[in-house]
Amino acid sequence: MENGTRLDKSSSSLLDKPIWTEVTSDQKVILVTLLLMATHDERQWEWKWVPYSLQPGQLIKSLPSLHQKWAKSVTVQKIRTALKRFERYGFLQTNQQIKIGL
C-alpha cells in the first residue's frame, strides 16, 4: 500500500471472530470506532501535574465523550452493553475510575 498505510492480517481475521459475527450492527459501529480511536504510538502527557501514558492500542474516554461519536440511536446503554460484551470476548479491558473533587 502507498504512503505507509498498512493493514495487518489480524484486520481480516476479525471478520471471522465472534466479536464480529455475534454482535449487533450498532456494536460493530462501536467496535470499528474504538479501533480507529486507539492510539498507534506511545503517548505521554501531564494533566494537573499527574503524568499519564498510553501504550499502542489504548485510549482514555468517558461514556459521554464516546456517546458523542455516534448517531443518537447509539445510546449510552448500548455503549455500556457493547463494552461489556467486548470485555467478555477478551478484546478490551475497562478501567472505571471515579474521581470526586471537593
N, C-alpha and C. Protein backbone atom coordinates (compact mmCIF):
# COMPACT_ATOMS: atom_id res chain seq x y z
N MET A 1 0.83 -1.17 0.00
CA MET A 1 0.00 0.00 0.00
C MET A 1 0.88 1.24 0.00
N GLU A 2 0.35 2.32 -0.51
CA GLU A 2 1.13 3.54 -0.62
C GLU A 2 1.07 4.36 0.66
N ASN A 3 1.99 5.31 0.76
CA ASN A 3 2.02 6.29 1.86
C ASN A 3 2.13 5.65 3.24
N GLY A 4 2.72 4.48 3.32
CA GLY A 4 2.94 3.86 4.62
C GLY A 4 1.68 3.29 5.25
N THR A 5 0.55 3.28 4.54
CA THR A 5 -0.67 2.71 5.08
C THR A 5 -0.55 1.20 5.06
N ARG A 6 -0.93 0.58 6.18
CA ARG A 6 -0.74 -0.86 6.26
C ARG A 6 -1.85 -1.47 7.11
N LEU A 7 -2.44 -2.52 6.64
CA LEU A 7 -3.37 -3.31 7.42
C LEU A 7 -2.72 -4.67 7.65
N ASP A 8 -2.72 -5.13 8.88
CA ASP A 8 -2.12 -6.43 9.10
C ASP A 8 -3.18 -7.52 8.97
N LYS A 9 -2.74 -8.77 9.00
CA LYS A 9 -3.67 -9.88 8.76
C LYS A 9 -4.71 -10.02 9.85
N SER A 10 -4.46 -9.46 11.04
CA SER A 10 -5.46 -9.55 12.10
C SER A 10 -6.71 -8.76 11.74
N SER A 11 -6.59 -7.76 10.87
CA SER A 11 -7.74 -6.98 10.46
C SER A 11 -8.76 -7.84 9.73
N SER A 12 -8.30 -8.67 8.81
CA SER A 12 -9.24 -9.52 8.08
C SER A 12 -9.72 -10.69 8.93
N SER A 13 -8.90 -11.19 9.83
CA SER A 13 -9.34 -12.30 10.67
C SER A 13 -10.40 -11.87 11.65
N LEU A 14 -10.52 -10.60 11.93
CA LEU A 14 -11.56 -10.07 12.81
C LEU A 14 -12.94 -10.42 12.27
N LEU A 15 -13.09 -10.44 10.96
CA LEU A 15 -14.38 -10.72 10.35
C LEU A 15 -14.88 -12.13 10.63
N ASP A 16 -13.99 -13.04 11.00
CA ASP A 16 -14.37 -14.42 11.28
C ASP A 16 -14.56 -14.70 12.76
N LYS A 17 -14.28 -13.73 13.61
CA LYS A 17 -14.34 -13.94 15.05
C LYS A 17 -15.72 -13.61 15.60
N PRO A 18 -16.09 -14.25 16.72
CA PRO A 18 -17.40 -13.97 17.33
C PRO A 18 -17.60 -12.50 17.69
N ILE A 19 -16.52 -11.79 17.98
CA ILE A 19 -16.67 -10.37 18.31
C ILE A 19 -17.25 -9.60 17.12
N TRP A 20 -17.17 -10.14 15.93
CA TRP A 20 -17.78 -9.51 14.75
C TRP A 20 -19.05 -10.25 14.33
N THR A 21 -19.01 -11.57 14.34
CA THR A 21 -20.14 -12.35 13.82
C THR A 21 -21.32 -12.44 14.78
N GLU A 22 -21.09 -12.25 16.07
CA GLU A 22 -22.15 -12.44 17.06
C GLU A 22 -22.65 -11.14 17.69
N VAL A 23 -22.32 -10.00 17.11
CA VAL A 23 -22.73 -8.73 17.71
C VAL A 23 -23.71 -8.01 16.79
N THR A 24 -24.39 -7.02 17.35
CA THR A 24 -25.36 -6.24 16.58
C THR A 24 -24.65 -5.25 15.66
N SER A 25 -25.40 -4.67 14.76
CA SER A 25 -24.80 -3.69 13.85
C SER A 25 -24.31 -2.46 14.62
N ASP A 26 -25.05 -2.02 15.65
CA ASP A 26 -24.58 -0.90 16.47
C ASP A 26 -23.26 -1.25 17.15
N GLN A 27 -23.14 -2.48 17.64
CA GLN A 27 -21.91 -2.89 18.30
C GLN A 27 -20.74 -2.95 17.32
N LYS A 28 -21.00 -3.28 16.08
CA LYS A 28 -19.94 -3.26 15.05
C LYS A 28 -19.46 -1.84 14.81
N VAL A 29 -20.40 -0.90 14.77
CA VAL A 29 -20.02 0.51 14.60
C VAL A 29 -19.17 0.96 15.79
N ILE A 30 -19.56 0.59 16.98
CA ILE A 30 -18.80 0.94 18.19
C ILE A 30 -17.42 0.32 18.14
N LEU A 31 -17.33 -0.95 17.75
CA LEU A 31 -16.05 -1.65 17.67
C LEU A 31 -15.09 -0.97 16.70
N VAL A 32 -15.56 -0.68 15.51
CA VAL A 32 -14.70 -0.05 14.50
C VAL A 32 -14.25 1.33 14.96
N THR A 33 -15.16 2.08 15.57
CA THR A 33 -14.81 3.41 16.06
C THR A 33 -13.75 3.32 17.15
N LEU A 34 -13.89 2.37 18.06
CA LEU A 34 -12.88 2.20 19.11
C LEU A 34 -11.52 1.85 18.52
N LEU A 35 -11.52 0.99 17.51
CA LEU A 35 -10.26 0.63 16.85
C LEU A 35 -9.60 1.87 16.22
N LEU A 36 -10.41 2.71 15.61
CA LEU A 36 -9.88 3.92 14.98
C LEU A 36 -9.41 4.95 16.01
N MET A 37 -10.03 4.97 17.19
CA MET A 37 -9.68 5.95 18.22
C MET A 37 -8.45 5.55 19.02
N ALA A 38 -8.11 4.28 19.02
CA ALA A 38 -6.98 3.81 19.84
C ALA A 38 -5.68 4.43 19.34
N THR A 39 -4.79 4.71 20.27
CA THR A 39 -3.50 5.30 19.91
C THR A 39 -2.64 4.26 19.18
N HIS A 40 -1.85 4.72 18.24
CA HIS A 40 -0.99 3.82 17.48
C HIS A 40 0.46 3.89 17.95
N ASP A 41 0.79 4.92 18.68
CA ASP A 41 2.14 5.10 19.21
C ASP A 41 2.03 5.42 20.69
N GLU A 42 3.10 5.19 21.42
CA GLU A 42 3.10 5.55 22.84
C GLU A 42 2.94 7.06 22.98
N ARG A 43 2.09 7.47 23.93
CA ARG A 43 1.87 8.89 24.19
C ARG A 43 2.04 9.16 25.67
N GLN A 44 2.67 10.27 25.98
CA GLN A 44 2.84 10.68 27.36
C GLN A 44 2.45 12.15 27.49
N TRP A 45 1.81 12.48 28.61
CA TRP A 45 1.45 13.87 28.88
C TRP A 45 1.24 14.04 30.37
N GLU A 46 1.06 15.27 30.75
CA GLU A 46 0.83 15.61 32.14
C GLU A 46 -0.46 16.42 32.22
N TRP A 47 -1.30 16.12 33.21
CA TRP A 47 -2.53 16.86 33.42
C TRP A 47 -2.71 17.06 34.91
N LYS A 48 -2.83 18.31 35.30
CA LYS A 48 -2.91 18.67 36.72
C LYS A 48 -1.73 18.05 37.49
N TRP A 49 -0.57 18.17 36.93
CA TRP A 49 0.70 17.73 37.49
C TRP A 49 0.80 16.22 37.72
N VAL A 50 -0.07 15.46 37.05
CA VAL A 50 -0.01 14.00 37.15
C VAL A 50 0.40 13.47 35.77
N PRO A 51 1.48 12.66 35.72
CA PRO A 51 1.90 12.11 34.43
C PRO A 51 0.99 10.94 34.01
N TYR A 52 0.70 10.90 32.73
CA TYR A 52 -0.10 9.83 32.14
C TYR A 52 0.64 9.29 30.92
N SER A 53 0.37 8.03 30.59
CA SER A 53 0.92 7.49 29.36
C SER A 53 -0.05 6.47 28.78
N LEU A 54 -0.04 6.37 27.48
CA LEU A 54 -0.84 5.39 26.75
C LEU A 54 0.08 4.56 25.89
N GLN A 55 -0.17 3.28 25.87
CA GLN A 55 0.55 2.36 25.00
C GLN A 55 -0.27 2.16 23.73
N PRO A 56 0.36 1.68 22.65
CA PRO A 56 -0.42 1.42 21.43
C PRO A 56 -1.62 0.52 21.73
N GLY A 57 -2.76 0.91 21.18
CA GLY A 57 -3.99 0.15 21.38
C GLY A 57 -4.84 0.64 22.53
N GLN A 58 -4.35 1.58 23.31
CA GLN A 58 -5.10 2.08 24.45
C GLN A 58 -5.78 3.41 24.12
N LEU A 59 -6.82 3.72 24.89
CA LEU A 59 -7.45 5.02 24.79
C LEU A 59 -8.12 5.34 26.12
N ILE A 60 -8.30 6.61 26.37
CA ILE A 60 -8.99 7.07 27.57
C ILE A 60 -10.17 7.90 27.11
N LYS A 61 -11.36 7.45 27.47
CA LYS A 61 -12.58 8.17 27.09
C LYS A 61 -13.63 7.92 28.17
N SER A 62 -14.51 8.87 28.34
CA SER A 62 -15.65 8.71 29.22
C SER A 62 -16.84 8.24 28.38
N LEU A 63 -17.85 7.68 29.03
CA LEU A 63 -19.05 7.28 28.30
C LEU A 63 -19.69 8.46 27.56
N PRO A 64 -19.83 9.63 28.21
CA PRO A 64 -20.41 10.76 27.46
C PRO A 64 -19.58 11.16 26.24
N SER A 65 -18.26 11.13 26.35
CA SER A 65 -17.45 11.51 25.18
C SER A 65 -17.54 10.45 24.09
N LEU A 66 -17.67 9.18 24.47
CA LEU A 66 -17.88 8.13 23.46
C LEU A 66 -19.25 8.31 22.80
N HIS A 67 -20.24 8.62 23.59
CA HIS A 67 -21.60 8.78 23.09
C HIS A 67 -21.68 9.87 22.00
N GLN A 68 -20.88 10.89 22.13
CA GLN A 68 -20.88 11.98 21.14
C GLN A 68 -20.36 11.54 19.77
N LYS A 69 -19.66 10.42 19.70
CA LYS A 69 -19.06 9.96 18.45
C LYS A 69 -20.07 9.32 17.51
N TRP A 70 -21.21 8.86 18.04
CA TRP A 70 -22.14 8.09 17.24
C TRP A 70 -23.48 8.78 17.07
N ALA A 71 -24.28 8.21 16.19
CA ALA A 71 -25.64 8.73 15.95
C ALA A 71 -26.46 8.60 17.23
N LYS A 72 -27.52 9.36 17.31
CA LYS A 72 -28.35 9.36 18.50
C LYS A 72 -28.95 7.99 18.80
N SER A 73 -29.04 7.13 17.78
CA SER A 73 -29.59 5.79 18.01
C SER A 73 -28.66 4.91 18.85
N VAL A 74 -27.38 5.29 18.94
CA VAL A 74 -26.43 4.55 19.78
C VAL A 74 -26.44 5.21 21.15
N THR A 75 -27.23 4.64 22.04
CA THR A 75 -27.41 5.22 23.37
C THR A 75 -26.25 4.85 24.30
N VAL A 76 -26.17 5.54 25.43
CA VAL A 76 -25.14 5.22 26.42
C VAL A 76 -25.30 3.78 26.89
N GLN A 77 -26.55 3.33 27.04
CA GLN A 77 -26.77 1.94 27.46
C GLN A 77 -26.24 0.95 26.41
N LYS A 78 -26.41 1.25 25.13
CA LYS A 78 -25.87 0.38 24.07
C LYS A 78 -24.35 0.36 24.12
N ILE A 79 -23.75 1.49 24.43
CA ILE A 79 -22.29 1.55 24.54
C ILE A 79 -21.82 0.70 25.72
N ARG A 80 -22.49 0.84 26.87
CA ARG A 80 -22.15 0.02 28.04
C ARG A 80 -22.25 -1.47 27.72
N THR A 81 -23.35 -1.85 27.07
CA THR A 81 -23.55 -3.25 26.70
C THR A 81 -22.45 -3.74 25.77
N ALA A 82 -22.11 -2.91 24.78
CA ALA A 82 -21.05 -3.29 23.84
C ALA A 82 -19.71 -3.44 24.55
N LEU A 83 -19.37 -2.50 25.43
CA LEU A 83 -18.09 -2.58 26.14
C LEU A 83 -18.04 -3.84 27.01
N LYS A 84 -19.13 -4.18 27.67
CA LYS A 84 -19.16 -5.40 28.48
C LYS A 84 -19.00 -6.63 27.61
N ARG A 85 -19.65 -6.62 26.48
CA ARG A 85 -19.55 -7.76 25.56
C ARG A 85 -18.13 -7.89 25.01
N PHE A 86 -17.52 -6.77 24.61
CA PHE A 86 -16.15 -6.81 24.10
C PHE A 86 -15.19 -7.29 25.17
N GLU A 87 -15.46 -6.91 26.41
CA GLU A 87 -14.61 -7.35 27.52
C GLU A 87 -14.74 -8.87 27.71
N ARG A 88 -15.96 -9.38 27.62
CA ARG A 88 -16.16 -10.84 27.74
C ARG A 88 -15.44 -11.60 26.65
N TYR A 89 -15.37 -11.02 25.45
CA TYR A 89 -14.65 -11.65 24.35
C TYR A 89 -13.13 -11.50 24.49
N GLY A 90 -12.67 -10.79 25.51
CA GLY A 90 -11.24 -10.60 25.71
C GLY A 90 -10.63 -9.57 24.79
N PHE A 91 -11.47 -8.75 24.17
CA PHE A 91 -11.00 -7.76 23.21
C PHE A 91 -10.50 -6.50 23.89
N LEU A 92 -11.09 -6.15 25.03
CA LEU A 92 -10.66 -4.94 25.73
C LEU A 92 -10.81 -5.11 27.23
N GLN A 93 -10.18 -4.19 27.93
CA GLN A 93 -10.30 -4.11 29.38
C GLN A 93 -10.74 -2.70 29.70
N THR A 94 -11.72 -2.60 30.59
CA THR A 94 -12.13 -1.27 31.01
C THR A 94 -11.58 -1.01 32.40
N ASN A 95 -11.26 0.21 32.64
CA ASN A 95 -10.77 0.65 33.94
C ASN A 95 -11.64 1.83 34.33
N GLN A 96 -12.63 1.55 35.15
CA GLN A 96 -13.57 2.60 35.52
C GLN A 96 -13.10 3.26 36.80
N GLN A 97 -12.74 4.51 36.69
CA GLN A 97 -12.30 5.29 37.83
C GLN A 97 -13.25 6.44 38.04
N ILE A 98 -13.62 6.65 39.27
CA ILE A 98 -14.48 7.77 39.60
C ILE A 98 -13.66 8.72 40.45
N LYS A 99 -13.58 9.97 40.02
CA LYS A 99 -12.87 10.98 40.79
C LYS A 99 -13.85 12.04 41.24
N ILE A 100 -13.83 12.32 42.50
CA ILE A 100 -14.73 13.32 43.06
C ILE A 100 -13.90 14.48 43.56
N GLY A 101 -14.17 15.66 43.06
CA GLY A 101 -13.46 16.85 43.51
C GLY A 101 -14.17 17.48 44.68
N LEU A 102 -13.41 17.87 45.69
CA LEU A 102 -14.01 18.54 46.84
C LEU A 102 -13.65 19.99 46.85
